[in-house]
Protein backbone atom coordinates (compact mmCIF):
# COMPACT_ATOMS: atom_id res chain seq x y z
CA MET A 1 0.00 0.00 0.00
CA THR A 2 1.30 3.44 -0.88
CA THR A 3 1.48 5.64 2.22
CA ARG A 4 1.26 9.43 2.20
CA ARG A 5 4.93 9.64 3.12
CA LYS A 6 5.91 7.37 0.17
CA PHE A 7 3.71 9.42 -2.15
CA ILE A 8 5.33 12.66 -1.08
CA GLY A 9 8.79 11.16 -1.40
CA THR A 10 8.03 9.99 -4.93
CA ALA A 11 6.55 13.36 -5.89
CA LEU A 12 9.59 15.19 -4.58
CA ALA A 13 11.97 12.83 -6.35
CA VAL A 14 10.14 13.31 -9.64
CA GLY A 15 10.17 17.06 -9.08
CA ALA A 16 13.90 17.03 -8.47
CA ALA A 17 14.51 15.07 -11.67
CA THR A 18 12.22 17.02 -13.95
CA MET A 19 12.40 20.57 -12.70
CA SER A 20 15.27 23.01 -12.62
CA ALA A 21 17.15 23.14 -9.34
CA ALA A 22 15.41 24.95 -6.54
CA VAL A 23 16.79 28.30 -5.52
CA ILE A 24 16.53 28.87 -1.79
CA ALA A 25 17.49 32.36 -0.73
CA PRO A 26 18.63 32.94 2.83
CA SER A 27 15.74 33.52 5.17
CA VAL A 28 15.23 37.17 5.96
CA ARG A 29 13.41 38.68 8.91
CA SER A 30 13.08 42.43 9.22
CA ALA A 31 13.19 44.19 12.56
CA PRO A 32 9.82 44.33 14.33
CA ALA A 33 7.96 47.58 13.90
CA PRO A 34 7.97 49.74 17.05
CA GLY A 35 5.05 48.85 19.26
CA ALA A 36 3.92 46.07 16.95
CA GLY A 37 1.65 43.58 18.70
CA ARG A 38 1.00 40.19 17.10
CA ALA A 39 -0.59 38.32 20.02
CA THR A 40 -3.92 37.94 18.22
CA TYR A 41 -2.36 37.00 14.87
CA LEU A 42 -1.36 33.55 13.69
CA PRO A 43 2.39 33.30 14.47
CA LEU A 44 3.90 32.38 11.12
CA GLU A 45 7.10 30.38 11.05
CA ARG A 46 7.82 31.43 7.48
CA VAL A 47 6.43 33.25 4.45
CA LEU A 48 7.47 31.70 1.13
CA PHE A 49 7.49 33.48 -2.21
CA ASP A 50 8.11 32.13 -5.70
CA VAL A 51 10.56 34.43 -7.47
CA ARG A 52 9.15 33.50 -10.89
CA PHE A 53 6.15 35.74 -10.22
CA ASP A 54 6.57 39.50 -10.65
CA ALA A 55 4.32 39.98 -7.65
CA SER A 56 6.70 38.05 -5.39
CA ALA A 57 9.01 41.02 -4.69
CA PRO A 58 6.31 43.38 -3.36
CA PHE A 59 4.65 40.45 -1.55
CA ALA A 60 7.89 39.55 0.24
CA ALA A 61 8.73 43.16 1.01
CA ALA A 62 5.30 43.70 2.55
CA ALA A 63 5.63 40.52 4.61
CA ARG A 64 9.05 41.58 5.91
CA SER A 65 7.69 45.01 6.82
CA ARG A 66 5.34 43.12 9.15
CA SER A 67 8.27 41.30 10.79
CA ALA A 68 7.73 38.01 8.94
CA MET A 69 10.63 35.72 8.09
CA THR A 70 10.70 35.10 4.33
CA SER A 71 12.25 32.49 2.06
CA ALA A 72 12.51 32.63 -1.73
CA ILE A 73 11.92 29.52 -3.81
CA GLU A 74 12.01 28.85 -7.53
CA ASN A 75 10.15 26.06 -9.27
CA ALA A 76 10.53 23.41 -6.56
CA VAL A 77 10.20 23.17 -2.82
CA HIS A 78 11.90 19.88 -1.97
CA ASP A 79 15.19 21.45 -0.80
CA LEU A 80 13.39 23.76 1.61
CA TRP A 81 11.33 20.82 2.86
CA TYR A 82 14.28 18.52 3.55
CA ALA A 83 16.58 21.19 4.99
CA ASP A 84 14.09 23.22 6.99
CA LEU A 85 10.33 22.68 7.12
CA TYR A 86 10.52 18.96 7.85
CA HIS A 87 12.44 19.64 11.05
CA HIS A 88 10.07 22.40 12.18
CA TRP A 89 6.98 20.31 11.52
CA ARG A 90 8.48 17.26 13.20
CA ASP A 91 8.82 19.19 16.47
CA ARG A 92 5.74 21.41 16.40
CA ARG A 93 2.86 22.67 14.28
CA ALA A 94 4.46 25.75 12.74
CA PRO A 95 2.08 27.77 10.53
CA ILE A 96 3.43 29.08 7.22
CA ALA A 97 2.10 31.27 4.42
CA GLY A 98 3.18 32.12 0.91
CA LEU A 99 2.70 33.21 -2.68
CA THR A 100 3.43 30.26 -4.97
CA ASP A 101 1.99 28.25 -7.83
CA PHE A 102 -0.53 25.44 -7.47
CA ARG A 103 2.04 22.63 -7.62
CA THR A 104 4.09 24.02 -4.75
CA LEU A 105 1.01 24.54 -2.61
CA PHE A 106 -0.19 21.02 -3.39
CA LEU A 107 3.07 19.45 -2.22
CA LEU A 108 3.22 21.62 0.90
CA GLU A 109 -0.35 20.72 1.76
CA MET A 110 0.47 17.02 1.52
CA MET A 111 3.53 17.45 3.72
CA ALA A 112 1.65 19.59 6.24
CA ALA A 113 -1.05 16.97 6.70
CA ASP A 114 1.44 14.70 8.47
CA ALA A 115 2.01 17.49 11.01
CA GLY A 116 -1.71 18.00 11.54
CA LEU A 117 -1.76 21.25 9.56
CA HIS A 118 -4.06 22.25 6.70
CA VAL A 119 -4.76 25.12 4.32
CA VAL A 120 -7.08 27.60 6.01
CA HIS A 121 -7.00 30.42 3.45
CA ARG A 122 -6.10 30.84 -0.20
CA ILE A 123 -6.64 33.36 -2.98
CA HIS A 124 -6.25 32.58 -6.68
CA HIS A 125 -4.87 35.70 -8.34
CA ARG A 126 -6.02 35.21 -11.94
CA ARG A 127 -4.74 37.54 -14.60
CA THR A 128 -7.41 38.83 -16.99
CA GLY A 129 -5.79 41.06 -19.57
CA THR A 130 -3.94 43.81 -17.71
CA THR A 131 -5.76 43.31 -14.41
CA TYR A 132 -6.20 40.57 -11.85
CA ARG A 133 -9.28 38.84 -10.46
CA HIS A 134 -8.95 37.53 -6.93
CA ASP A 135 -10.94 34.40 -6.00
CA VAL A 136 -11.02 34.13 -2.20
CA PHE A 137 -11.52 30.85 -0.29
CA GLY A 138 -11.64 30.35 3.45
CA PRO A 139 -13.84 31.42 6.37
CA LEU A 140 -17.22 32.42 4.97
CA ALA A 141 -17.69 35.25 7.46
CA HIS A 142 -14.59 37.03 6.13
CA ARG A 143 -14.73 36.16 2.44
CA ALA A 144 -16.62 39.29 1.32
CA GLU A 145 -14.37 41.57 3.37
CA LEU A 146 -11.20 40.01 1.95
CA ALA A 147 -12.58 40.10 -1.60
CA ASP A 148 -13.30 43.83 -1.19
CA ARG A 149 -9.81 44.44 0.15
CA MET A 150 -8.22 42.66 -2.80
CA ALA A 151 -10.44 44.37 -5.37
CA GLY A 152 -9.68 47.78 -3.86
CA ALA A 153 -5.94 47.18 -3.87
CA HIS A 154 -5.73 47.34 -7.70
CA ASP A 155 -2.06 47.23 -8.76
CA ALA A 156 -0.94 46.90 -5.13
CA TRP A 157 -2.71 43.56 -4.73
CA ALA A 158 0.47 41.68 -3.77
CA HIS A 159 1.05 44.07 -0.89
CA GLU A 160 -2.55 43.57 0.26
CA ALA A 161 -2.27 39.78 -0.03
CA ALA A 162 0.81 39.85 2.19
CA GLY A 163 -1.05 42.00 4.69
CA ILE A 164 -3.84 39.43 4.84
CA VAL A 165 -1.61 36.41 5.49
CA THR A 166 0.57 38.19 8.07
CA SER A 167 -2.38 39.48 10.08
CA TRP A 168 -4.53 36.36 10.08
CA PRO A 169 -6.59 36.02 13.28
CA ASN A 170 -5.57 33.14 15.51
CA HIS A 171 -9.14 31.93 15.92
CA LEU A 172 -9.68 31.36 12.19
CA THR A 173 -7.60 28.19 11.88
CA ALA A 174 -9.97 25.44 13.01
CA PRO A 175 -11.33 23.35 10.10
CA ASP A 176 -15.11 23.66 9.84
CA ALA A 177 -16.79 22.90 6.52
CA ARG A 178 -19.93 24.67 7.72
CA ARG A 179 -18.07 27.96 8.12
CA SER A 180 -15.45 27.73 5.37
CA ASP A 181 -15.39 27.01 1.64
CA ILE A 182 -11.68 26.17 1.57
CA LEU A 183 -12.44 22.69 0.20
CA LEU A 184 -14.12 24.31 -2.80
CA ALA A 185 -10.76 25.76 -3.83
CA LYS A 186 -9.46 22.25 -4.53
CA ARG A 187 -12.11 21.80 -7.21
CA GLN A 188 -11.00 24.88 -9.16
CA GLU A 189 -8.75 24.57 -12.19
CA VAL A 190 -5.61 26.60 -11.63
CA ASP A 191 -2.74 26.76 -14.12
CA LEU A 192 0.88 27.12 -13.09
CA GLN A 193 0.99 30.75 -14.23
CA THR A 194 -1.58 31.74 -11.59
CA PRO A 195 -0.07 32.91 -8.30
CA ILE A 196 -1.85 31.71 -5.17
CA SER A 197 -1.51 33.33 -1.77
CA TRP A 198 -2.25 30.97 1.10
CA ILE A 199 -1.93 30.08 4.76
CA ILE A 200 -1.24 26.63 6.19
CA GLY A 201 -2.17 26.66 9.88
């Protein structure tokens, strides 16, 4: 029988053989803003960003301005998993967030399941001509508010997306299909050119 761990190992091995080598930039954490209080926010271990997306630079900069530790990845996530995340998730449930493609999020979600973590929020940032449409999934009570925030951000949407993931309320992490449509996101077709912002908590 194929276990989840064997499946992930196979997927990572295939990724390593077929994709270009992963680029892992040193983790960066900016100095906390004076008087910043994060007690009510989900304490993120890391914010990942895929450097292949133009939006990744403003997304990462906005995350760092909110005292988040960031790590850059390119095309594959297996190196970061083996060298870093695996050890964090073995010892404790460390929430992470990011702006990546669908494939990276899929692999991270599979890995996170073994640590008892799951995706609690995601936004598909679909390009339509010269603008973006933002499809929000997560807690139903906050979906309209987040959709309005993203629509109002216009060209600064990456900055707004980073603000959302780095100020996520602690109490919005429990899985509840009655109060969240996060499972609906898995049934959406998403190509690899579509950036997705997300939280695994």
